[in-house]
């Protein structure tokens, strides 16, 4: 769905406490989390505004978001 939230607490509700703790204590996690949220915010903005962007570029942004999410999940569960 367009504009659906993909922030980390929505994606991993069972890990919400760990997300907060890691963001405060792990600089790498905090940096990746910030990158993830920036990409997610941009995707949502483009989807909701109907801004002109090629399908290829939008899919690239979504793939980047997915890669960041996978890496963050890995850091949370190791």
Protein backbone atom coordinates (compact mmCIF):
# COMPACT_ATOMS: atom_id res chain seq x y z
CA UNK A 1 0.00 0.00 0.00
CA UNK A 2 1.14 3.52 -0.68
CA UNK A 3 2.32 5.43 2.34
CA UNK A 4 2.37 2.36 4.57
CA UNK A 5 4.72 2.82 7.55
CA UNK A 6 7.95 0.85 7.35
CA UNK A 7 9.76 2.32 10.33
CA UNK A 8 11.72 -0.25 12.35
CA UNK A 9 9.27 -0.55 15.28
CA UNK A 10 6.48 -1.34 12.79
CA UNK A 11 8.65 -3.83 10.94
CA UNK A 12 9.95 -5.52 14.11
CA UNK A 13 7.49 -4.82 16.95
CA UNK A 14 8.89 -7.70 18.99
CA UNK A 15 12.31 -6.00 18.95
CA UNK A 16 11.21 -2.45 19.79
CA UNK A 17 13.14 -2.32 23.08
CA UNK A 18 16.27 -3.70 21.44
CA UNK A 19 15.99 -1.14 18.64
CA UNK A 20 15.99 1.70 21.17
CA UNK A 21 18.88 0.21 23.14
CA UNK A 22 21.03 -0.49 20.08
CA UNK A 23 20.37 2.97 18.66
CA UNK A 24 21.76 4.50 21.85
CA UNK A 25 24.67 2.12 22.39
CA UNK A 26 25.86 1.06 18.92
CA UNK A 27 27.11 3.77 16.54
CA UNK A 28 26.98 1.47 13.50
CA UNK A 29 23.39 0.47 14.25
CA UNK A 30 22.45 4.12 14.81
CA UNK A 31 24.00 5.15 11.47
CA UNK A 32 22.32 2.35 9.53
CA UNK A 33 19.03 3.07 11.27
CA UNK A 34 19.27 6.74 10.29
CA UNK A 35 19.99 5.78 6.67
CA UNK A 36 17.05 3.37 6.71
CA UNK A 37 14.66 6.01 8.03
CA UNK A 38 15.86 8.61 5.52
CA UNK A 39 15.28 6.24 2.61
CA UNK A 40 11.91 5.15 4.01
CA UNK A 41 10.79 8.75 4.52
CA UNK A 42 11.78 9.65 0.95
CA UNK A 43 9.94 6.64 -0.49
CA UNK A 44 6.80 7.48 1.47
CA UNK A 45 7.01 11.15 0.45
CA UNK A 46 7.33 10.23 -3.22
CA UNK A 47 4.51 7.68 -3.07
CA UNK A 48 2.07 9.99 -1.29
CA UNK A 49 2.85 13.05 -3.38
CA UNK A 50 2.76 11.17 -6.65
CA UNK A 51 6.09 12.79 -7.45
CA UNK A 52 7.53 11.96 -10.83
CA UNK A 53 10.15 9.25 -10.45
CA UNK A 54 10.91 6.34 -12.69
CA UNK A 55 9.83 2.88 -11.61
CA UNK A 56 13.46 1.82 -11.82
CA UNK A 57 14.58 4.53 -9.40
CA UNK A 58 11.76 3.82 -6.97
CA UNK A 59 12.51 0.10 -7.04
CA UNK A 60 16.20 0.86 -6.43
CA UNK A 61 15.27 2.92 -3.38
CA UNK A 62 13.05 0.11 -2.09
CA UNK A 63 15.83 -2.42 -2.62
CA UNK A 64 18.21 -0.19 -0.68
CA UNK A 65 15.65 0.04 2.15
CA UNK A 66 15.32 -3.75 2.17
CA UNK A 67 19.09 -4.26 2.31
CA UNK A 68 19.37 -1.84 5.21
CA UNK A 69 16.48 -3.54 7.01
CA UNK A 70 18.11 -6.96 6.57
CA UNK A 71 21.41 -5.67 7.92
CA UNK A 72 19.70 -4.02 10.89
CA UNK A 73 17.76 -7.21 11.64
CA UNK A 74 21.00 -9.15 11.55
CA UNK A 75 22.58 -6.77 14.06
CA UNK A 76 19.53 -7.07 16.32
CA UNK A 77 19.46 -10.84 16.32
CA UNK A 78 23.12 -11.83 16.53
